[in-house]
PDB file of all heavy atoms in Angstrom:
ATOM      1  N   LEU A   1      16.018   3.932 -16.349  1.00  0.00           N
ATOM      2  CA  LEU A   1      14.641   3.898 -16.829  1.00  0.00           C
ATOM      3  C   LEU A   1      14.162   5.301 -17.179  1.00  0.00           C
ATOM      4  O   LEU A   1      13.455   5.514 -18.174  1.00  0.00           O
ATOM      5  CB  LEU A   1      13.727   3.270 -15.772  1.00  0.00           C
ATOM      6  CG  LEU A   1      13.849   1.748 -15.573  1.00  0.00           C
ATOM      7  CD1 LEU A   1      12.972   1.291 -14.410  1.00  0.00           C
ATOM      8  CD2 LEU A   1      13.447   1.016 -16.856  1.00  0.00           C
ATOM      9  N   LEU A   2      14.546   6.275 -16.324  1.00  0.00           N
ATOM     10  CA  LEU A   2      14.169   7.661 -16.614  1.00  0.00           C
ATOM     11  C   LEU A   2      14.789   8.132 -17.924  1.00  0.00           C
ATOM     12  O   LEU A   2      14.141   8.817 -18.722  1.00  0.00           O
ATOM     13  CB  LEU A   2      14.612   8.578 -15.459  1.00  0.00           C
ATOM     14  CG  LEU A   2      13.604   8.805 -14.342  1.00  0.00           C
ATOM     15  CD1 LEU A   2      14.259   9.552 -13.202  1.00  0.00           C
ATOM     16  CD2 LEU A   2      12.399   9.575 -14.860  1.00  0.00           C
ATOM     17  N   ARG A   3      16.058   7.792 -18.113  1.00  0.00           N
ATOM     18  CA  ARG A   3      16.723   8.235 -19.349  1.00  0.00           C
ATOM     19  C   ARG A   3      16.145   7.549 -20.590  1.00  0.00           C
ATOM     20  O   ARG A   3      16.250   8.058 -21.693  1.00  0.00           O
ATOM     21  CB  ARG A   3      18.224   7.956 -19.233  1.00  0.00           C
ATOM     22  CG  ARG A   3      18.952   8.924 -18.326  1.00  0.00           C
ATOM     23  CD  ARG A   3      20.461   8.803 -18.483  1.00  0.00           C
ATOM     24  NE  ARG A   3      20.950   7.546 -17.883  1.00  0.00           N
ATOM     25  CZ  ARG A   3      21.342   7.428 -16.622  1.00  0.00           C
ATOM     26  NH1 ARG A   3      21.290   8.485 -15.811  1.00  0.00           N
ATOM     27  NH2 ARG A   3      21.768   6.271 -16.172  1.00  0.00           N
ATOM     28  N   GLY A   4      15.509   6.382 -20.385  1.00  0.00           N
ATOM     29  CA  GLY A   4      14.940   5.662 -21.539  1.00  0.00           C
ATOM     30  C   GLY A   4      13.507   6.017 -21.837  1.00  0.00           C
ATOM     31  O   GLY A   4      12.894   5.414 -22.736  1.00  0.00           O
ATOM     32  N   VAL A   5      12.925   6.960 -21.126  1.00  0.00           N
ATOM     33  CA  VAL A   5      11.524   7.347 -21.348  1.00  0.00           C
ATOM     34  C   VAL A   5      11.319   7.874 -22.767  1.00  0.00           C
ATOM     35  O   VAL A   5      10.272   7.656 -23.409  1.00  0.00           O
ATOM     36  CB  VAL A   5      11.072   8.391 -20.299  1.00  0.00           C
ATOM     37  CG1 VAL A   5       9.746   9.040 -20.693  1.00  0.00           C
ATOM     38  CG2 VAL A   5      10.960   7.741 -18.937  1.00  0.00           C
ATOM     39  N   ALA A   6      12.315   8.542 -23.307  1.00  0.00           N
ATOM     40  CA  ALA A   6      12.168   9.136 -24.643  1.00  0.00           C
ATOM     41  C   ALA A   6      11.970   8.084 -25.720  1.00  0.00           C
ATOM     42  O   ALA A   6      11.435   8.383 -26.813  1.00  0.00           O
ATOM     43  CB  ALA A   6      13.401   9.978 -24.955  1.00  0.00           C
ATOM     44  N   GLN A   7      12.417   6.850 -25.481  1.00  0.00           N
ATOM     45  CA  GLN A   7      12.263   5.799 -26.488  1.00  0.00           C
ATOM     46  C   GLN A   7      10.912   5.088 -26.401  1.00  0.00           C
ATOM     47  O   GLN A   7      10.602   4.207 -27.215  1.00  0.00           O
ATOM     48  CB  GLN A   7      13.374   4.738 -26.335  1.00  0.00           C
ATOM     49  CG  GLN A   7      14.727   5.148 -26.924  1.00  0.00           C
ATOM     50  CD  GLN A   7      15.429   6.197 -26.104  1.00  0.00           C
ATOM     51  OE1 GLN A   7      15.490   6.079 -24.883  1.00  0.00           O
ATOM     52  NE2 GLN A   7      15.935   7.240 -26.775  1.00  0.00           N
ATOM     53  N   LEU A   8      10.113   5.428 -25.404  1.00  0.00           N
ATOM     54  CA  LEU A   8       8.810   4.792 -25.241  1.00  0.00           C
ATOM     55  C   LEU A   8       7.789   5.406 -26.188  1.00  0.00           C
ATOM     56  O   LEU A   8       7.953   6.562 -26.640  1.00  0.00           O
ATOM     57  CB  LEU A   8       8.333   4.951 -23.795  1.00  0.00           C
ATOM     58  CG  LEU A   8       9.145   4.221 -22.706  1.00  0.00           C
ATOM     59  CD1 LEU A   8       8.617   4.603 -21.334  1.00  0.00           C
ATOM     60  CD2 LEU A   8       9.084   2.709 -22.907  1.00  0.00           C
ATOM     61  N   PRO A   9       6.717   4.676 -26.422  1.00  0.00           N
ATOM     62  CA  PRO A   9       5.624   5.260 -27.209  1.00  0.00           C
ATOM     63  C   PRO A   9       5.104   6.518 -26.532  1.00  0.00           C
ATOM     64  O   PRO A   9       5.110   6.623 -25.294  1.00  0.00           O
ATOM     65  CB  PRO A   9       4.569   4.150 -27.236  1.00  0.00           C
ATOM     66  CG  PRO A   9       5.343   2.897 -26.983  1.00  0.00           C
ATOM     67  CD  PRO A   9       6.475   3.270 -26.077  1.00  0.00           C
ATOM     68  N   PRO A  10       4.644   7.487 -27.296  1.00  0.00           N
ATOM     69  CA  PRO A  10       4.206   8.765 -26.719  1.00  0.00           C
ATOM     70  C   PRO A  10       3.141   8.603 -25.629  1.00  0.00           C
ATOM     71  O   PRO A  10       3.160   9.338 -24.639  1.00  0.00           O
ATOM     72  CB  PRO A  10       3.661   9.530 -27.918  1.00  0.00           C
ATOM     73  CG  PRO A  10       4.403   8.969 -29.077  1.00  0.00           C
ATOM     74  CD  PRO A  10       4.622   7.519 -28.777  1.00  0.00           C
ATOM     75  N   GLU A  11       2.240   7.683 -25.802  1.00  0.00           N
ATOM     76  CA  GLU A  11       1.160   7.551 -24.823  1.00  0.00           C
ATOM     77  C   GLU A  11       1.661   7.000 -23.477  1.00  0.00           C
ATOM     78  O   GLU A  11       0.977   7.122 -22.462  1.00  0.00           O
ATOM     79  CB  GLU A  11       0.038   6.667 -25.388  1.00  0.00           C
ATOM     80  CG  GLU A  11       0.431   5.221 -25.653  1.00  0.00           C
ATOM     81  CD  GLU A  11       1.043   5.049 -27.025  1.00  0.00           C
ATOM     82  OE1 GLU A  11       1.351   6.078 -27.674  1.00  0.00           O
ATOM     83  OE2 GLU A  11       1.226   3.896 -27.458  1.00  0.00           O
ATOM     84  N   GLU A  12       2.892   6.395 -23.415  1.00  0.00           N
ATOM     85  CA  GLU A  12       3.406   5.822 -22.154  1.00  0.00           C
ATOM     86  C   GLU A  12       4.406   6.761 -21.461  1.00  0.00           C
ATOM     87  O   GLU A  12       4.726   6.570 -20.291  1.00  0.00           O
ATOM     88  CB  GLU A  12       4.083   4.487 -22.434  1.00  0.00           C
ATOM     89  CG  GLU A  12       3.151   3.409 -22.942  1.00  0.00           C
ATOM     90  CD  GLU A  12       3.875   2.092 -23.154  1.00  0.00           C
ATOM     91  OE1 GLU A  12       5.017   1.964 -22.634  1.00  0.00           O
ATOM     92  OE2 GLU A  12       3.323   1.214 -23.832  1.00  0.00           O
ATOM     93  N   ARG A  13       4.925   7.699 -22.235  1.00  0.00           N
ATOM     94  CA  ARG A  13       6.007   8.520 -21.677  1.00  0.00           C
ATOM     95  C   ARG A  13       5.606   9.266 -20.397  1.00  0.00           C
ATOM     96  O   ARG A  13       6.326   9.280 -19.400  1.00  0.00           O
ATOM     97  CB  ARG A  13       6.471   9.535 -22.722  1.00  0.00           C
ATOM     98  CG  ARG A  13       7.140   8.900 -23.916  1.00  0.00           C
ATOM     99  CD  ARG A  13       7.455   9.952 -24.960  1.00  0.00           C
ATOM    100  NE  ARG A  13       7.943   9.333 -26.193  1.00  0.00           N
ATOM    101  CZ  ARG A  13       8.169   9.990 -27.314  1.00  0.00           C
ATOM    102  NH1 ARG A  13       7.936  11.315 -27.344  1.00  0.00           N
ATOM    103  NH2 ARG A  13       8.617   9.358 -28.401  1.00  0.00           N
ATOM    104  N   GLY A  14       4.449   9.924 -20.410  1.00  0.00           N
ATOM    105  CA  GLY A  14       4.025  10.714 -19.246  1.00  0.00           C
ATOM    106  C   GLY A  14       3.840   9.858 -18.002  1.00  0.00           C
ATOM    107  O   GLY A  14       4.300  10.198 -16.904  1.00  0.00           O
ATOM    108  N   THR A  15       3.168   8.723 -18.155  1.00  0.00           N
ATOM    109  CA  THR A  15       2.887   7.862 -17.003  1.00  0.00           C
ATOM    110  C   THR A  15       4.173   7.279 -16.425  1.00  0.00           C
ATOM    111  O   THR A  15       4.413   7.322 -15.211  1.00  0.00           O
ATOM    112  CB  THR A  15       1.931   6.714 -17.419  1.00  0.00           C
ATOM    113  OG1 THR A  15       0.762   7.264 -17.992  1.00  0.00           O
ATOM    114  CG2 THR A  15       1.575   5.880 -16.213  1.00  0.00           C
ATOM    115  N   VAL A  16       5.030   6.736 -17.317  1.00  0.00           N
ATOM    116  CA  VAL A  16       6.275   6.118 -16.843  1.00  0.00           C
ATOM    117  C   VAL A  16       7.221   7.172 -16.257  1.00  0.00           C
ATOM    118  O   VAL A  16       7.835   6.984 -15.206  1.00  0.00           O
ATOM    119  CB  VAL A  16       6.960   5.355 -17.992  1.00  0.00           C
ATOM    120  CG1 VAL A  16       8.333   4.834 -17.559  1.00  0.00           C
ATOM    121  CG2 VAL A  16       6.081   4.214 -18.471  1.00  0.00           C
ATOM    122  N   GLY A  17       7.367   8.326 -16.925  1.00  0.00           N
ATOM    123  CA  GLY A  17       8.252   9.383 -16.424  1.00  0.00           C
ATOM    124  C   GLY A  17       7.808   9.889 -15.058  1.00  0.00           C
ATOM    125  O   GLY A  17       8.633  10.105 -14.159  1.00  0.00           O
ATOM    126  N   ARG A  18       6.487  10.102 -14.925  1.00  0.00           N
ATOM    127  CA  ARG A  18       5.978  10.567 -13.625  1.00  0.00           C
ATOM    128  C   ARG A  18       6.241   9.535 -12.531  1.00  0.00           C
ATOM    129  O   ARG A  18       6.670   9.872 -11.432  1.00  0.00           O
ATOM    130  CB  ARG A  18       4.499  10.878 -13.767  1.00  0.00           C
ATOM    131  CG  ARG A  18       3.896  11.490 -12.514  1.00  0.00           C
ATOM    132  CD  ARG A  18       2.531  12.132 -12.789  1.00  0.00           C
ATOM    133  NE  ARG A  18       1.649  11.223 -13.518  1.00  0.00           N
ATOM    134  CZ  ARG A  18       1.322  11.354 -14.792  1.00  0.00           C
ATOM    135  NH1 ARG A  18       1.846  12.351 -15.523  1.00  0.00           N
ATOM    136  NH2 ARG A  18       0.497  10.497 -15.400  1.00  0.00           N
ATOM    137  N   ALA A  19       5.987   8.276 -12.800  1.00  0.00           N
ATOM    138  CA  ALA A  19       6.188   7.222 -11.797  1.00  0.00           C
ATOM    139  C   ALA A  19       7.669   7.113 -11.417  1.00  0.00           C
ATOM    140  O   ALA A  19       8.026   6.959 -10.246  1.00  0.00           O
ATOM    141  CB  ALA A  19       5.671   5.889 -12.340  1.00  0.00           C
ATOM    142  N   ALA A  20       8.562   7.187 -12.407  1.00  0.00           N
ATOM    143  CA  ALA A  20       9.999   7.090 -12.126  1.00  0.00           C
ATOM    144  C   ALA A  20      10.485   8.283 -11.297  1.00  0.00           C
ATOM    145  O   ALA A  20      11.286   8.140 -10.374  1.00  0.00           O
ATOM    146  CB  ALA A  20      10.768   6.985 -13.439  1.00  0.00           C
ATOM    147  N   ASN A  21      10.017   9.488 -11.650  1.00  0.00           N
ATOM    148  CA  ASN A  21      10.412  10.686 -10.900  1.00  0.00           C
ATOM    149  C   ASN A  21       9.923  10.623  -9.457  1.00  0.00           C
ATOM    150  O   ASN A  21      10.641  10.972  -8.517  1.00  0.00           O
ATOM    151  CB  ASN A  21       9.870  11.941 -11.582  1.00  0.00           C
ATOM    152  CG  ASN A  21      10.872  12.541 -12.556  1.00  0.00           C
ATOM    153  OD1 ASN A  21      12.064  12.584 -12.260  1.00  0.00           O
ATOM    154  ND2 ASN A  21      10.394  12.964 -13.711  1.00  0.00           N
ATOM    155  N   GLN A  22       8.681  10.192  -9.284  1.00  0.00           N
ATOM    156  CA  GLN A  22       8.118  10.088  -7.939  1.00  0.00           C
ATOM    157  C   GLN A  22       8.909   9.068  -7.104  1.00  0.00           C
ATOM    158  O   GLN A  22       9.184   9.290  -5.926  1.00  0.00           O
ATOM    159  CB  GLN A  22       6.642   9.697  -8.013  1.00  0.00           C
ATOM    160  CG  GLN A  22       5.731  10.805  -8.532  1.00  0.00           C
ATOM    161  CD  GLN A  22       4.294  10.355  -8.696  1.00  0.00           C
ATOM    162  OE1 GLN A  22       3.988   9.146  -8.639  1.00  0.00           O
ATOM    163  NE2 GLN A  22       3.400  11.317  -8.942  1.00  0.00           N
ATOM    164  N   ALA A  23       9.266   7.962  -7.745  1.00  0.00           N
ATOM    165  CA  ALA A  23      10.050   6.940  -7.041  1.00  0.00           C
ATOM    166  C   ALA A  23      11.417   7.489  -6.636  1.00  0.00           C
ATOM    167  O   ALA A  23      11.897   7.279  -5.518  1.00  0.00           O
ATOM    168  CB  ALA A  23      10.197   5.700  -7.926  1.00  0.00           C
ATOM    169  N   ARG A  24      12.075   8.187  -7.585  1.00  0.00           N
ATOM    170  CA  ARG A  24      13.397   8.756  -7.277  1.00  0.00           C
ATOM    171  C   ARG A  24      13.327   9.766  -6.136  1.00  0.00           C
ATOM    172  O   ARG A  24      14.132   9.741  -5.204  1.00  0.00           O
ATOM    173  CB  ARG A  24      13.962   9.419  -8.530  1.00  0.00           C
ATOM    174  CG  ARG A  24      15.341  10.057  -8.326  1.00  0.00           C
ATOM    175  CD  ARG A  24      15.845  10.654  -9.621  1.00  0.00           C
ATOM    176  NE  ARG A  24      14.920  11.634 -10.150  1.00  0.00           N
ATOM    177  CZ  ARG A  24      14.824  12.896  -9.720  1.00  0.00           C
ATOM    178  NH1 ARG A  24      15.594  13.317  -8.729  1.00  0.00           N
ATOM    179  NH2 ARG A  24      13.969  13.728 -10.284  1.00  0.00           N
ATOM    180  N   GLN A  25      12.362  10.686  -6.178  1.00  0.00           N
ATOM    181  CA  GLN A  25      12.222  11.702  -5.131  1.00  0.00           C
ATOM    182  C   GLN A  25      11.897  11.069  -3.782  1.00  0.00           C
ATOM    183  O   GLN A  25      12.404  11.490  -2.744  1.00  0.00           O
ATOM    184  CB  GLN A  25      11.142  12.709  -5.538  1.00  0.00           C
ATOM    185  CG  GLN A  25      11.524  13.563  -6.738  1.00  0.00           C
ATOM    186  CD  GLN A  25      10.376  14.397  -7.254  1.00  0.00           C
ATOM    187  OE1 GLN A  25       9.273  14.373  -6.695  1.00  0.00           O
ATOM    188  NE2 GLN A  25      10.610  15.133  -8.350  1.00  0.00           N
ATOM    189  N   ALA A  26      11.036  10.038  -3.805  1.00  0.00           N
ATOM    190  CA  ALA A  26      10.679   9.368  -2.559  1.00  0.00           C
ATOM    191  C   ALA A  26      11.897   8.694  -1.934  1.00  0.00           C
ATOM    192  O   ALA A  26      12.131   8.779  -0.721  1.00  0.00           O
ATOM    193  CB  ALA A  26       9.570   8.347  -2.805  1.00  0.00           C
ATOM    194  N   LEU A  27      12.691   8.022  -2.777  1.00  0.00           N
ATOM    195  CA  LEU A  27      13.889   7.356  -2.263  1.00  0.00           C
ATOM    196  C   LEU A  27      14.917   8.358  -1.747  1.00  0.00           C
ATOM    197  O   LEU A  27      15.567   8.133  -0.722  1.00  0.00           O
ATOM    198  CB  LEU A  27      14.503   6.488  -3.366  1.00  0.00           C
ATOM    199  CG  LEU A  27      13.653   5.284  -3.825  1.00  0.00           C
ATOM    200  CD1 LEU A  27      14.374   4.506  -4.924  1.00  0.00           C
ATOM    201  CD2 LEU A  27      13.304   4.383  -2.653  1.00  0.00           C
ATOM    202  N   GLU A  28      15.096   9.469  -2.444  1.00  0.00           N
ATOM    203  CA  GLU A  28      16.026  10.497  -1.962  1.00  0.00           C
ATOM    204  C   GLU A  28      15.584  11.033  -0.594  1.00  0.00           C
ATOM    205  O   GLU A  28      16.405  11.251   0.304  1.00  0.00           O
ATOM    206  CB  GLU A  28      16.110  11.633  -2.973  1.00  0.00           C
ATOM    207  CG  GLU A  28      16.873  11.267  -4.232  1.00  0.00           C
ATOM    208  CD  GLU A  28      16.879  12.394  -5.250  1.00  0.00           C
ATOM    209  OE1 GLU A  28      16.065  13.341  -5.079  1.00  0.00           O
ATOM    210  OE2 GLU A  28      17.672  12.335  -6.204  1.00  0.00           O
ATOM    211  N   GLY A  29      14.269  11.258  -0.427  1.00  0.00           N
ATOM    212  CA  GLY A  29      13.768  11.725   0.862  1.00  0.00           C
ATOM    213  C   GLY A  29      13.989  10.707   1.969  1.00  0.00           C
ATOM    214  O   GLY A  29      14.378  11.057   3.099  1.00  0.00           O
ATOM    215  N   LEU A  30      13.736   9.422   1.653  1.00  0.00           N
ATOM    216  CA  LEU A  30      13.950   8.368   2.647  1.00  0.00           C
ATOM    217  C   LEU A  30      15.423   8.262   3.040  1.00  0.00           C
ATOM    218  O   LEU A  30      15.758   8.070   4.218  1.00  0.00           O
ATOM    219  CB  LEU A  30      13.454   7.031   2.091  1.00  0.00           C
ATOM    220  CG  LEU A  30      11.934   6.854   1.979  1.00  0.00           C
ATOM    221  CD1 LEU A  30      11.599   5.544   1.269  1.00  0.00           C
ATOM    222  CD2 LEU A  30      11.288   6.876   3.375  1.00  0.00           C
ATOM    223  N   ILE A  31      16.291   8.376   2.036  1.00  0.00           N
ATOM    224  CA  ILE A  31      17.731   8.295   2.329  1.00  0.00           C
ATOM    225  C   ILE A  31      18.169   9.447   3.241  1.00  0.00           C
ATOM    226  O   ILE A  31      18.929   9.253   4.204  1.00  0.00           O
ATOM    227  CB  ILE A  31      18.535   8.287   1.012  1.00  0.00           C
ATOM    228  CG1 ILE A  31      18.326   6.956   0.287  1.00  0.00           C
ATOM    229  CG2 ILE A  31      20.013   8.535   1.287  1.00  0.00           C
ATOM    230  CD1 ILE A  31      18.948   6.915  -1.089  1.00  0.00           C
ATOM    231  N   GLU A  32      17.705  10.665   2.963  1.00  0.00           N
ATOM    232  CA  GLU A  32      18.086  11.815   3.789  1.00  0.00           C
ATOM    233  C   GLU A  32      17.574  11.652   5.216  1.00  0.00           C
ATOM    234  O   GLU A  32      18.284  11.943   6.193  1.00  0.00           O
ATOM    235  CB  GLU A  32      17.547  13.113   3.165  1.00  0.00           C
ATOM    236  CG  GLU A  32      18.175  13.471   1.831  1.00  0.00           C
ATOM    237  CD  GLU A  32      19.678  13.614   1.934  1.00  0.00           C
ATOM    238  OE1 GLU A  32      20.173  14.165   2.960  1.00  0.00           O
ATOM    239  OE2 GLU A  32      20.371  13.168   1.006  1.00  0.00           O
ATOM    240  N   ALA A  33      16.318  11.189   5.363  1.00  0.00           N
ATOM    241  CA  ALA A  33      15.749  11.013   6.703  1.00  0.00           C
ATOM    242  C   ALA A  33      16.506   9.946   7.478  1.00  0.00           C
ATOM    243  O   ALA A  33      16.830  10.114   8.665  1.00  0.00           O
ATOM    244  CB  ALA A  33      14.273  10.652   6.588  1.00  0.00           C
ATOM    245  N   ARG A  34      16.780   8.816   6.777  1.00  0.00           N
ATOM    246  CA  ARG A  34      17.500   7.734   7.453  1.00  0.00           C
ATOM    247  C   ARG A  34      18.921   8.152   7.795  1.00  0.00           C
ATOM    248  O   ARG A  34      19.457   7.793   8.851  1.00  0.00           O
ATOM    249  CB  ARG A  34      17.521   6.503   6.554  1.00  0.00           C
ATOM    250  CG  ARG A  34      18.179   5.275   7.171  1.00  0.00           C
ATOM    251  CD  ARG A  34      17.474   4.842   8.427  1.00  0.00           C
ATOM    252  NE  ARG A  34      18.107   3.662   9.003  1.00  0.00           N
ATOM    253  CZ  ARG A  34      18.002   3.301  10.272  1.00  0.00           C
ATOM    254  NH1 ARG A  34      17.265   4.033  11.112  1.00  0.00           N
ATOM    255  NH2 ARG A  34      18.591   2.213  10.706  1.00  0.00           N
ATOM    256  N   ALA A  35      19.540   8.963   6.933  1.00  0.00           N
ATOM    257  CA  ALA A  35      20.902   9.450   7.209  1.00  0.00           C
ATOM    258  C   ALA A  35      20.923  10.297   8.480  1.00  0.00           C
ATOM    259  O   ALA A  35      21.842  10.195   9.293  1.00  0.00           O
ATOM    260  CB  ALA A  35      21.414  10.253   6.016  1.00  0.00           C
ATOM    261  N   GLY A  36      19.893  11.137   8.642  1.00  0.00           N
ATOM    262  CA  GLY A  36      19.832  11.948   9.858  1.00  0.00           C
ATOM    263  C   GLY A  36      19.734  11.086  11.109  1.00  0.00           C
ATOM    264  O   GLY A  36      20.388  11.349  12.135  1.00  0.00           O
ATOM    265  N   GLU A  37      18.909  10.029  11.052  1.00  0.00           N
ATOM    266  CA  GLU A  37      18.768   9.134  12.195  1.00  0.00           C
ATOM    267  C   GLU A  37      20.091   8.428  12.510  1.00  0.00           C
ATOM    268  O   GLU A  37      20.498   8.330  13.673  1.00  0.00           O
ATOM    269  CB  GLU A  37      17.683   8.103  11.904  1.00  0.00           C
ATOM    270  CG  GLU A  37      16.277   8.692  11.742  1.00  0.00           C
ATOM    271  CD  GLU A  37      15.265   7.639  11.318  1.00  0.00           C
ATOM    272  OE1 GLU A  37      15.666   6.458  11.181  1.00  0.00           O
ATOM    273  OE2 GLU A  37      14.091   7.988  11.120  1.00  0.00           O
TER     274      GLU A  37
END
């Protein structure tokens, strides 16, 4: 989905890209925390 942001209409790119990045970073943080446990 992140790689496909460039094909979206210009007015949607910022919102979708930000949401996808936030989701990815949140999941990476959760995975690292759970791995430590």
